C-alpha cells in the first residue's frame, strides 16, 4: 500500500515536470528555439477557398523570425538546388511562412464569389526571364476598389502565407495587396 502511494507521488511529480514539455510539443519547441508563442495571438479564419485555418495575428511573426527576410528567389533557388526527387519535400518546409514581395502584374481573372485571382511576376535585378518567380494569390475585389484599374506591368506589393511552392512558382493564401 505504501509502495503504491509513493509510486503515485513520484509519477505525479514526473508528470508535473514533463507535461509542459510533452503535453504541447509545438509550444515547447518554439520556447526551446526562442520564439514567443501564445494561443491568444491566433484567430480562426476562413480562407478564400472556404477552408478553416488558424491565422497568426499580424503583430506576431509567423513561424521563424527570419522568414520575413526570405525572397521568392531564395525560396526558388533552395528548391531547385535540391535533387529532383527531394524538391517537393524541401518545398513543404515553406508552407505557412509569410512572404512579402513586389512584382509586376501579369494577369487577373475573376474566380467567382467576388474573388479575383492575381498573377504577378517577381523579377531579379537583372530582369532575367529565366530567374523570374511567378506569384499567384486571390483577393476579394470588394476589398480593393481600384483593382480593376491596374494595368499589366504595373507594380503590386503583396503579403500572404505560402500555400504551395514549386520551382519558380509560389501560391499564397490570406493575401493582402499592400500597394
N, C-alpha and C. Protein backbone atom coordinates (compact mmCIF):
# COMPACT_ATOMS: atom_id res chain seq x y z
N UNK A 1 0.83 -1.19 0.00
CA UNK A 1 0.00 0.00 0.00
C UNK A 1 0.87 1.25 0.00
N UNK A 2 1.87 1.27 0.89
CA UNK A 2 2.76 2.42 0.96
C UNK A 2 3.57 2.57 -0.33
N UNK A 3 3.95 1.45 -0.91
CA UNK A 3 4.72 1.48 -2.16
C UNK A 3 3.90 2.08 -3.30
N UNK A 4 2.61 1.76 -3.36
CA UNK A 4 1.76 2.31 -4.42
C UNK A 4 1.53 3.81 -4.23
N UNK A 5 1.44 4.28 -3.00
CA UNK A 5 1.29 5.71 -2.71
C UNK A 5 2.55 6.45 -3.14
N UNK A 6 3.71 5.89 -2.79
CA UNK A 6 4.98 6.51 -3.17
C UNK A 6 5.12 6.54 -4.69
N UNK A 7 4.75 5.45 -5.36
CA UNK A 7 4.82 5.38 -6.82
C UNK A 7 3.90 6.43 -7.45
N UNK A 8 2.71 6.61 -6.88
CA UNK A 8 1.77 7.61 -7.41
C UNK A 8 2.31 9.02 -7.22
N UNK A 9 2.92 9.30 -6.09
CA UNK A 9 3.50 10.63 -5.84
C UNK A 9 4.64 10.90 -6.81
N UNK A 10 5.52 9.92 -7.01
CA UNK A 10 6.64 10.07 -7.95
C UNK A 10 6.12 10.28 -9.37
N UNK A 11 5.10 9.51 -9.76
CA UNK A 11 4.51 9.67 -11.09
C UNK A 11 3.89 11.06 -11.24
N UNK A 12 3.24 11.55 -10.20
CA UNK A 12 2.64 12.89 -10.24
C UNK A 12 3.68 13.97 -10.39
N UNK A 13 4.77 13.83 -9.66
CA UNK A 13 5.86 14.81 -9.76
C UNK A 13 6.48 14.77 -11.16
N UNK A 14 6.70 13.56 -11.69
CA UNK A 14 7.26 13.42 -13.03
C UNK A 14 6.33 14.06 -14.07
N UNK A 15 5.04 13.80 -13.96
CA UNK A 15 4.08 14.40 -14.90
C UNK A 15 4.06 15.92 -14.79
N UNK A 16 4.20 16.42 -13.56
CA UNK A 16 4.19 17.86 -13.36
C UNK A 16 5.31 18.53 -14.16
N UNK A 17 6.48 17.90 -14.19
CA UNK A 17 7.61 18.48 -14.89
C UNK A 17 7.64 18.12 -16.38
N UNK A 18 7.14 16.95 -16.76
CA UNK A 18 7.22 16.50 -18.15
C UNK A 18 6.02 16.93 -18.99
N UNK A 19 4.86 17.14 -18.39
CA UNK A 19 3.67 17.51 -19.15
C UNK A 19 3.85 18.80 -19.94
N UNK A 20 4.46 19.84 -19.37
CA UNK A 20 4.66 21.04 -20.18
C UNK A 20 5.52 20.78 -21.41
N UNK A 21 6.41 19.83 -21.34
CA UNK A 21 7.28 19.53 -22.48
C UNK A 21 6.56 18.67 -23.49
N UNK A 22 5.95 17.56 -23.04
CA UNK A 22 5.34 16.62 -23.95
C UNK A 22 3.87 16.88 -24.20
N UNK A 23 3.21 17.63 -23.33
CA UNK A 23 1.78 17.89 -23.49
C UNK A 23 1.50 18.79 -24.68
N UNK A 24 2.37 19.76 -24.94
CA UNK A 24 2.20 20.68 -26.06
C UNK A 24 3.56 20.80 -26.75
N UNK A 25 3.92 19.81 -27.55
CA UNK A 25 5.27 19.79 -28.12
C UNK A 25 5.57 20.98 -29.02
N UNK A 26 4.58 21.49 -29.73
CA UNK A 26 4.84 22.62 -30.63
C UNK A 26 5.26 23.85 -29.83
N UNK A 27 4.49 24.15 -28.79
CA UNK A 27 4.80 25.32 -27.98
C UNK A 27 6.13 25.14 -27.25
N UNK A 28 6.39 23.91 -26.76
CA UNK A 28 7.66 23.65 -26.07
C UNK A 28 8.84 23.83 -27.02
N UNK A 29 8.68 23.36 -28.25
CA UNK A 29 9.75 23.51 -29.24
C UNK A 29 9.98 24.98 -29.56
N UNK A 30 8.91 25.74 -29.74
CA UNK A 30 9.06 27.16 -30.05
C UNK A 30 9.75 27.89 -28.90
N UNK A 31 9.39 27.55 -27.65
CA UNK A 31 10.08 28.15 -26.50
C UNK A 31 11.55 27.77 -26.50
N UNK A 32 11.84 26.50 -26.81
CA UNK A 32 13.21 25.99 -26.80
C UNK A 32 14.09 26.72 -27.80
N UNK A 33 13.53 27.06 -29.00
CA UNK A 33 14.34 27.77 -30.00
C UNK A 33 14.23 29.28 -29.86
N UNK A 34 13.51 29.76 -28.85
CA UNK A 34 13.49 31.18 -28.54
C UNK A 34 12.40 32.00 -29.18
N UNK A 35 11.32 31.38 -29.61
CA UNK A 35 10.21 32.12 -30.22
C UNK A 35 9.07 32.18 -29.23
N UNK A 36 8.59 33.39 -28.99
CA UNK A 36 7.43 33.55 -28.10
C UNK A 36 6.18 33.14 -28.85
N UNK A 37 5.32 32.40 -28.20
CA UNK A 37 4.11 31.92 -28.84
C UNK A 37 2.96 32.00 -27.84
N UNK A 38 1.83 32.42 -28.32
CA UNK A 38 0.66 32.49 -27.47
C UNK A 38 -0.57 32.13 -28.28
N UNK A 39 -1.38 31.22 -27.76
CA UNK A 39 -2.63 30.86 -28.46
C UNK A 39 -3.55 32.08 -28.57
N UNK A 40 -3.39 33.05 -27.66
CA UNK A 40 -4.23 34.24 -27.70
C UNK A 40 -3.93 35.07 -28.93
N UNK A 41 -2.75 34.86 -29.55
CA UNK A 41 -2.37 35.66 -30.71
C UNK A 41 -2.85 35.04 -32.01
N UNK A 42 -3.63 33.95 -31.94
CA UNK A 42 -4.11 33.30 -33.14
C UNK A 42 -5.62 33.47 -33.25
N UNK A 43 -6.09 33.55 -34.48
CA UNK A 43 -7.52 33.62 -34.72
C UNK A 43 -7.89 32.58 -35.76
N UNK A 44 -9.09 32.06 -35.67
CA UNK A 44 -9.58 31.10 -36.63
C UNK A 44 -10.28 31.88 -37.74
N UNK A 45 -9.80 31.72 -38.97
CA UNK A 45 -10.38 32.45 -40.09
C UNK A 45 -10.67 31.49 -41.23
N UNK A 46 -11.38 31.98 -42.22
CA UNK A 46 -11.71 31.19 -43.39
C UNK A 46 -10.97 31.78 -44.57
N UNK A 47 -10.22 30.94 -45.31
CA UNK A 47 -9.50 31.46 -46.48
C UNK A 47 -10.46 31.51 -47.66
N UNK A 48 -10.03 32.10 -48.80
CA UNK A 48 -10.95 32.27 -49.94
C UNK A 48 -11.56 30.98 -50.47
N UNK A 49 -10.95 29.83 -50.26
CA UNK A 49 -11.49 28.57 -50.75
C UNK A 49 -12.46 27.92 -49.76
N UNK A 50 -12.71 28.58 -48.61
CA UNK A 50 -13.66 28.08 -47.64
C UNK A 50 -13.06 27.16 -46.59
N UNK A 51 -11.72 27.01 -46.58
CA UNK A 51 -11.08 26.16 -45.57
C UNK A 51 -10.89 26.96 -44.30
N UNK A 52 -11.12 26.32 -43.15
CA UNK A 52 -10.88 26.97 -41.87
C UNK A 52 -9.40 26.85 -41.55
N UNK A 53 -8.78 27.96 -41.19
CA UNK A 53 -7.36 27.96 -40.88
C UNK A 53 -7.09 28.74 -39.61
N UNK A 54 -6.00 28.45 -38.96
CA UNK A 54 -5.55 29.23 -37.82
C UNK A 54 -4.56 30.24 -38.34
N UNK A 55 -4.83 31.49 -38.12
CA UNK A 55 -4.02 32.56 -38.67
C UNK A 55 -3.33 33.31 -37.53
N UNK A 56 -1.99 33.45 -37.59
CA UNK A 56 -1.33 34.24 -36.57
C UNK A 56 -1.78 35.70 -36.67
N UNK A 57 -1.84 36.37 -35.54
CA UNK A 57 -2.17 37.78 -35.54
C UNK A 57 -1.07 38.53 -36.29
N UNK A 58 -1.41 39.66 -36.90
CA UNK A 58 -0.45 40.41 -37.70
C UNK A 58 0.74 40.89 -36.89
N UNK A 59 0.59 41.06 -35.58
CA UNK A 59 1.69 41.55 -34.77
C UNK A 59 2.69 40.45 -34.44
N UNK A 60 2.33 39.20 -34.64
CA UNK A 60 3.22 38.09 -34.34
C UNK A 60 4.01 37.71 -35.59
N UNK A 61 5.17 37.13 -35.40
CA UNK A 61 5.96 36.62 -36.50
C UNK A 61 5.46 35.21 -36.79
N UNK A 62 5.17 34.92 -38.05
CA UNK A 62 4.72 33.58 -38.38
C UNK A 62 5.94 32.68 -38.57
N UNK A 63 5.88 31.51 -37.96
CA UNK A 63 6.98 30.55 -37.94
C UNK A 63 8.24 31.19 -37.41
N UNK A 64 9.35 31.10 -38.10
CA UNK A 64 10.61 31.63 -37.59
C UNK A 64 10.73 33.12 -37.83
N UNK A 65 11.47 33.80 -36.99
CA UNK A 65 11.64 35.25 -37.11
C UNK A 65 12.35 35.67 -38.38
N UNK A 66 13.09 34.79 -39.01
CA UNK A 66 13.86 35.15 -40.20
C UNK A 66 13.04 35.09 -41.49
N UNK A 67 11.85 34.53 -41.44
CA UNK A 67 11.12 34.29 -42.68
C UNK A 67 10.72 35.56 -43.40
N UNK A 68 10.55 36.66 -42.70
CA UNK A 68 10.17 37.89 -43.38
C UNK A 68 11.26 38.39 -44.30
N UNK A 69 12.47 37.89 -44.13
CA UNK A 69 13.58 38.32 -44.98
C UNK A 69 13.74 37.44 -46.22
N UNK A 70 12.98 36.38 -46.32
CA UNK A 70 13.09 35.49 -47.48
C UNK A 70 12.52 36.16 -48.72
N UNK A 71 13.17 35.94 -49.82
CA UNK A 71 12.66 36.45 -51.09
C UNK A 71 12.16 35.27 -51.91
N UNK A 72 11.30 35.52 -52.88
CA UNK A 72 10.85 34.44 -53.76
C UNK A 72 12.03 33.76 -54.46
N UNK A 73 13.09 34.52 -54.74
CA UNK A 73 14.26 33.95 -55.41
C UNK A 73 14.99 32.96 -54.52
N UNK A 74 15.16 33.31 -53.24
CA UNK A 74 15.84 32.41 -52.30
C UNK A 74 15.05 31.11 -52.15
N UNK A 75 13.75 31.23 -52.04
CA UNK A 75 12.90 30.04 -51.92
C UNK A 75 13.05 29.17 -53.16
N UNK A 76 12.94 29.80 -54.33
CA UNK A 76 13.02 29.06 -55.58
C UNK A 76 14.39 28.41 -55.77
N UNK A 77 15.46 29.15 -55.47
CA UNK A 77 16.82 28.60 -55.62
C UNK A 77 17.05 27.43 -54.68
N UNK A 78 16.54 27.53 -53.45
CA UNK A 78 16.70 26.44 -52.49
C UNK A 78 16.02 25.17 -52.99
N UNK A 79 14.81 25.32 -53.50
CA UNK A 79 14.08 24.15 -54.01
C UNK A 79 14.77 23.59 -55.24
N UNK A 80 15.17 24.44 -56.16
CA UNK A 80 15.83 23.98 -57.38
C UNK A 80 17.19 23.34 -57.12
N UNK A 81 17.86 23.72 -56.03
CA UNK A 81 19.17 23.15 -55.74
C UNK A 81 19.08 21.75 -55.14
N UNK A 82 17.90 21.36 -54.69
CA UNK A 82 17.71 20.01 -54.15
C UNK A 82 17.61 19.01 -55.31
N UNK A 83 17.97 17.75 -55.05
CA UNK A 83 17.78 16.73 -56.08
C UNK A 83 16.30 16.67 -56.49
N UNK A 84 16.02 16.39 -57.76
CA UNK A 84 14.63 16.43 -58.26
C UNK A 84 13.61 15.65 -57.42
N UNK A 85 13.99 14.49 -56.92
CA UNK A 85 13.03 13.70 -56.14
C UNK A 85 12.86 14.21 -54.72
N UNK A 86 13.67 15.19 -54.30
CA UNK A 86 13.55 15.75 -52.96
C UNK A 86 12.96 17.16 -52.97
N UNK A 87 12.75 17.73 -54.15
CA UNK A 87 12.26 19.11 -54.24
C UNK A 87 10.91 19.30 -53.58
N UNK A 88 10.00 18.37 -53.74
CA UNK A 88 8.66 18.54 -53.12
C UNK A 88 8.77 18.49 -51.60
N UNK A 89 9.69 17.69 -51.07
CA UNK A 89 9.88 17.62 -49.61
C UNK A 89 10.48 18.92 -49.09
N UNK A 90 11.43 19.49 -49.81
CA UNK A 90 12.03 20.77 -49.43
C UNK A 90 10.96 21.87 -49.48
N UNK A 91 10.13 21.85 -50.50
CA UNK A 91 9.09 22.86 -50.67
C UNK A 91 8.10 22.87 -49.51
N UNK A 92 7.83 21.72 -48.92
CA UNK A 92 6.87 21.63 -47.82
C UNK A 92 7.28 22.49 -46.62
N UNK A 93 8.57 22.72 -46.45
CA UNK A 93 9.05 23.49 -45.30
C UNK A 93 8.68 24.98 -45.39
N UNK A 94 8.30 25.43 -46.57
CA UNK A 94 7.94 26.83 -46.76
C UNK A 94 6.44 27.08 -46.58
N UNK A 95 5.63 26.03 -46.54
CA UNK A 95 4.18 26.18 -46.40
C UNK A 95 3.87 26.87 -45.08
N UNK A 96 3.04 27.92 -45.14
CA UNK A 96 2.63 28.64 -43.94
C UNK A 96 3.51 29.82 -43.57
N UNK A 97 4.64 29.99 -44.26
CA UNK A 97 5.53 31.12 -43.97
C UNK A 97 5.01 32.35 -44.70
N UNK A 98 5.08 33.50 -44.04
CA UNK A 98 4.63 34.75 -44.65
C UNK A 98 5.67 35.21 -45.67
N UNK A 99 5.18 35.57 -46.84
CA UNK A 99 6.03 36.10 -47.91
C UNK A 99 5.54 37.50 -48.24
N UNK A 100 6.46 38.42 -48.34
CA UNK A 100 6.18 39.81 -48.66
C UNK A 100 7.04 40.15 -49.88
N UNK A 101 6.41 40.48 -51.01
CA UNK A 101 7.20 40.75 -52.21
C UNK A 101 6.49 41.75 -53.12
N UNK A 102 7.28 42.31 -54.02
CA UNK A 102 6.77 43.24 -55.03
C UNK A 102 7.04 42.64 -56.39
N UNK A 103 6.02 42.64 -57.23
CA UNK A 103 6.15 42.11 -58.59
C UNK A 103 5.32 42.92 -59.55
N UNK A 104 5.45 42.57 -60.82
CA UNK A 104 4.67 43.25 -61.87
C UNK A 104 3.44 42.42 -62.18
N UNK A 105 2.31 43.10 -62.32
CA UNK A 105 1.07 42.41 -62.65
C UNK A 105 1.21 41.72 -64.01
N UNK A 106 0.92 40.43 -64.02
CA UNK A 106 0.91 39.67 -65.27
C UNK A 106 -0.52 39.48 -65.75
N UNK A 107 -1.39 39.04 -64.81
CA UNK A 107 -2.79 38.84 -65.19
C UNK A 107 -3.69 38.85 -63.96
N UNK A 108 -4.98 39.07 -64.21
CA UNK A 108 -6.03 38.96 -63.19
C UNK A 108 -7.21 38.25 -63.83
N UNK A 109 -7.91 37.47 -63.00
CA UNK A 109 -9.05 36.71 -63.51
C UNK A 109 -10.12 36.63 -62.43
N UNK A 110 -11.37 36.84 -62.81
CA UNK A 110 -12.48 36.69 -61.87
C UNK A 110 -12.68 35.20 -61.60
N UNK A 111 -12.71 34.85 -60.31
CA UNK A 111 -12.84 33.45 -59.92
C UNK A 111 -14.23 33.12 -59.39
N UNK A 112 -15.11 34.11 -59.26
CA UNK A 112 -16.45 33.87 -58.71
C UNK A 112 -16.48 34.18 -57.23
N UNK A 113 -17.65 34.47 -56.74
CA UNK A 113 -17.81 34.78 -55.32
C UNK A 113 -17.09 36.06 -54.90
N UNK A 114 -16.84 36.94 -55.87
CA UNK A 114 -16.16 38.20 -55.56
C UNK A 114 -14.65 38.09 -55.49
N UNK A 115 -14.12 36.91 -55.77
CA UNK A 115 -12.68 36.70 -55.72
C UNK A 115 -12.01 37.03 -57.06
N UNK A 116 -10.82 37.58 -56.96
CA UNK A 116 -10.00 37.85 -58.13
C UNK A 116 -8.70 37.08 -57.97
N UNK A 117 -8.37 36.25 -58.96
CA UNK A 117 -7.09 35.56 -58.98
C UNK A 117 -6.06 36.48 -59.60
N UNK A 118 -4.96 36.71 -58.91
CA UNK A 118 -3.93 37.64 -59.37
C UNK A 118 -2.63 36.86 -59.59
N UNK A 119 -1.95 37.17 -60.68
CA UNK A 119 -0.67 36.54 -61.03
C UNK A 119 0.32 37.67 -61.26
N UNK A 120 1.38 37.70 -60.42
CA UNK A 120 2.43 38.69 -60.61
C UNK A 120 3.74 37.97 -60.92
N UNK A 121 4.62 38.69 -61.59
CA UNK A 121 5.95 38.17 -61.89
C UNK A 121 6.95 38.98 -61.08
N UNK A 122 7.77 38.27 -60.29
CA UNK A 122 8.78 38.92 -59.48
C UNK A 122 10.12 38.73 -60.20
N UNK A 123 10.73 39.85 -60.55
CA UNK A 123 11.96 39.83 -61.34
C UNK A 123 13.19 39.97 -60.45
N UNK A 124 14.31 39.43 -60.92
CA UNK A 124 15.59 39.69 -60.28
C UNK A 124 16.05 41.07 -60.74
N UNK A 125 17.03 41.67 -60.07
CA UNK A 125 17.51 42.99 -60.52
C UNK A 125 18.03 42.99 -61.96
N UNK A 126 18.49 41.84 -62.45
CA UNK A 126 18.99 41.76 -63.83
C UNK A 126 17.85 41.59 -64.83
N UNK A 127 16.63 41.38 -64.32
CA UNK A 127 15.44 41.18 -65.14
C UNK A 127 15.59 40.00 -66.10
N UNK A 128 16.26 38.97 -65.64
CA UNK A 128 16.45 37.76 -66.42
C UNK A 128 15.17 36.93 -66.37
N UNK A 129 14.61 36.62 -67.53
CA UNK A 129 13.37 35.85 -67.59
C UNK A 129 13.55 34.45 -66.99
N UNK A 130 14.76 33.90 -67.10
CA UNK A 130 15.00 32.55 -66.56
C UNK A 130 15.00 32.53 -65.04
N UNK A 131 15.09 33.70 -64.39
CA UNK A 131 15.09 33.75 -62.93
C UNK A 131 13.79 34.33 -62.37
N UNK A 132 12.82 34.56 -63.21
CA UNK A 132 11.54 35.11 -62.77
C UNK A 132 10.79 34.11 -61.90
N UNK A 133 10.17 34.61 -60.83
CA UNK A 133 9.32 33.77 -59.98
C UNK A 133 7.89 34.27 -60.13
N UNK A 134 6.98 33.35 -60.38
CA UNK A 134 5.56 33.68 -60.53
C UNK A 134 4.88 33.52 -59.19
N UNK A 135 4.12 34.53 -58.77
CA UNK A 135 3.40 34.50 -57.50
C UNK A 135 1.91 34.62 -57.81
N UNK A 136 1.15 33.68 -57.29
CA UNK A 136 -0.31 33.62 -57.52
C UNK A 136 -1.01 33.80 -56.18
N UNK A 137 -2.10 34.58 -56.17
CA UNK A 137 -2.87 34.77 -54.95
C UNK A 137 -4.27 35.22 -55.32
N UNK A 138 -5.17 35.17 -54.33
CA UNK A 138 -6.55 35.63 -54.52
C UNK A 138 -6.89 36.68 -53.49
N UNK A 139 -7.67 37.65 -53.93
CA UNK A 139 -8.17 38.68 -53.03
C UNK A 139 -9.64 38.94 -53.38
N UNK A 140 -10.35 39.53 -52.43
CA UNK A 140 -11.72 39.91 -52.69
C UNK A 140 -11.73 41.27 -53.37
N UNK A 141 -12.41 41.36 -54.50
CA UNK A 141 -12.46 42.60 -55.26
C UNK A 141 -13.05 43.73 -54.42
N UNK A 142 -14.00 43.43 -53.58
CA UNK A 142 -14.65 44.45 -52.75
C UNK A 142 -13.66 45.13 -51.80
N UNK A 143 -12.57 44.44 -51.45
CA UNK A 143 -11.57 45.00 -50.54
C UNK A 143 -10.62 45.98 -51.24
N UNK A 144 -10.61 45.96 -52.57
CA UNK A 144 -9.68 46.79 -53.34
C UNK A 144 -10.44 47.47 -54.49
N UNK A 145 -10.95 48.66 -54.20
CA UNK A 145 -11.82 49.36 -55.14
C UNK A 145 -11.16 49.61 -56.49
N UNK A 146 -9.89 49.93 -56.53
CA UNK A 146 -9.22 50.26 -57.78
C UNK A 146 -8.54 49.09 -58.47
N UNK A 147 -8.80 47.88 -58.03
CA UNK A 147 -8.13 46.70 -58.57
C UNK A 147 -8.33 46.55 -60.07
N UNK A 148 -9.52 46.83 -60.55
CA UNK A 148 -9.81 46.66 -61.98
C UNK A 148 -9.09 47.70 -62.85
N UNK A 149 -8.51 48.73 -62.23
CA UNK A 149 -7.84 49.78 -62.99
C UNK A 149 -6.34 49.53 -63.16
N UNK A 150 -5.81 48.52 -62.48
CA UNK A 150 -4.37 48.24 -62.56
C UNK A 150 -4.08 47.58 -63.91
N UNK A 151 -3.08 48.09 -64.59
CA UNK A 151 -2.71 47.57 -65.90
C UNK A 151 -1.57 46.55 -65.78
N UNK A 152 -1.48 45.66 -66.76
CA UNK A 152 -0.39 44.68 -66.80
C UNK A 152 0.94 45.43 -66.79
N UNK A 153 1.88 44.92 -66.02
CA UNK A 153 3.21 45.53 -65.91
C UNK A 153 3.36 46.50 -64.75
N UNK A 154 2.25 46.91 -64.14
CA UNK A 154 2.34 47.82 -63.00
C UNK A 154 2.75 47.05 -61.76
N UNK A 155 3.48 47.70 -60.84
CA UNK A 155 3.95 47.01 -59.64
C UNK A 155 2.82 46.76 -58.63
N UNK A 156 2.89 45.59 -58.01
CA UNK A 156 1.96 45.22 -56.95
C UNK A 156 2.78 44.67 -55.79
N UNK A 157 2.52 45.19 -54.59
CA UNK A 157 3.18 44.72 -53.37
C UNK A 157 2.18 43.84 -52.64
N UNK A 158 2.52 42.58 -52.42
CA UNK A 158 1.61 41.63 -51.79
C UNK A 158 2.26 40.98 -50.59
N UNK A 159 1.44 40.62 -49.62
CA UNK A 159 1.90 39.87 -48.46
C UNK A 159 0.88 38.77 -48.22
N UNK A 160 1.37 37.54 -47.99
CA UNK A 160 0.47 36.43 -47.73
C UNK A 160 1.23 35.22 -47.22
N UNK A 161 0.48 34.21 -46.82
CA UNK A 161 1.09 32.97 -46.33
C UNK A 161 1.26 32.01 -47.50
N UNK A 162 2.41 31.37 -47.55
CA UNK A 162 2.68 30.44 -48.65
C UNK A 162 1.77 29.23 -48.53
N UNK A 163 1.05 28.97 -49.61
CA UNK A 163 0.11 27.85 -49.68
C UNK A 163 0.73 26.67 -50.43
N UNK A 164 1.45 26.98 -51.50
CA UNK A 164 2.05 25.95 -52.35
C UNK A 164 3.31 26.54 -52.99
N UNK A 165 4.36 25.71 -53.09
CA UNK A 165 5.61 26.15 -53.70
C UNK A 165 6.07 25.12 -54.69
N UNK A 166 6.44 25.58 -55.85
CA UNK A 166 7.09 24.77 -56.87
C UNK A 166 8.24 25.60 -57.39
N UNK A 167 9.21 24.99 -58.07
CA UNK A 167 10.29 25.81 -58.62
C UNK A 167 9.70 26.92 -59.52
N UNK A 168 10.06 28.14 -59.20
CA UNK A 168 9.66 29.34 -59.95
C UNK A 168 8.18 29.68 -59.85
N UNK A 169 7.45 29.08 -58.91
CA UNK A 169 6.03 29.39 -58.76
C UNK A 169 5.63 29.26 -57.29
N UNK A 170 4.98 30.31 -56.76
CA UNK A 170 4.55 30.33 -55.36
C UNK A 170 3.09 30.75 -55.33
N UNK A 171 2.26 30.00 -54.59
CA UNK A 171 0.86 30.37 -54.38
C UNK A 171 0.69 30.81 -52.94
N UNK A 172 -0.07 31.90 -52.74
CA UNK A 172 -0.28 32.46 -51.41
C UNK A 172 -1.74 32.32 -51.01
N UNK A 173 -1.99 32.34 -49.70
CA UNK A 173 -3.34 32.40 -49.14
C UNK A 173 -3.36 33.53 -48.11
N UNK A 174 -4.52 33.96 -47.71
CA UNK A 174 -4.66 35.09 -46.77
C UNK A 174 -3.84 36.28 -47.26
N UNK A 175 -3.95 36.57 -48.53
CA UNK A 175 -3.13 37.61 -49.14
C UNK A 175 -3.74 38.99 -48.98
N UNK A 176 -2.84 39.97 -48.90
CA UNK A 176 -3.25 41.37 -48.85
C UNK A 176 -2.38 42.14 -49.83
N UNK A 177 -3.02 42.97 -50.63
CA UNK A 177 -2.27 43.85 -51.50
C UNK A 177 -1.94 45.08 -50.67
N UNK A 178 -0.65 45.37 -50.56
CA UNK A 178 -0.20 46.48 -49.74
C UNK A 178 -0.17 47.76 -50.56
N UNK A 179 0.25 47.67 -51.78
CA UNK A 179 0.22 48.85 -52.68
C UNK A 179 0.28 48.39 -54.11
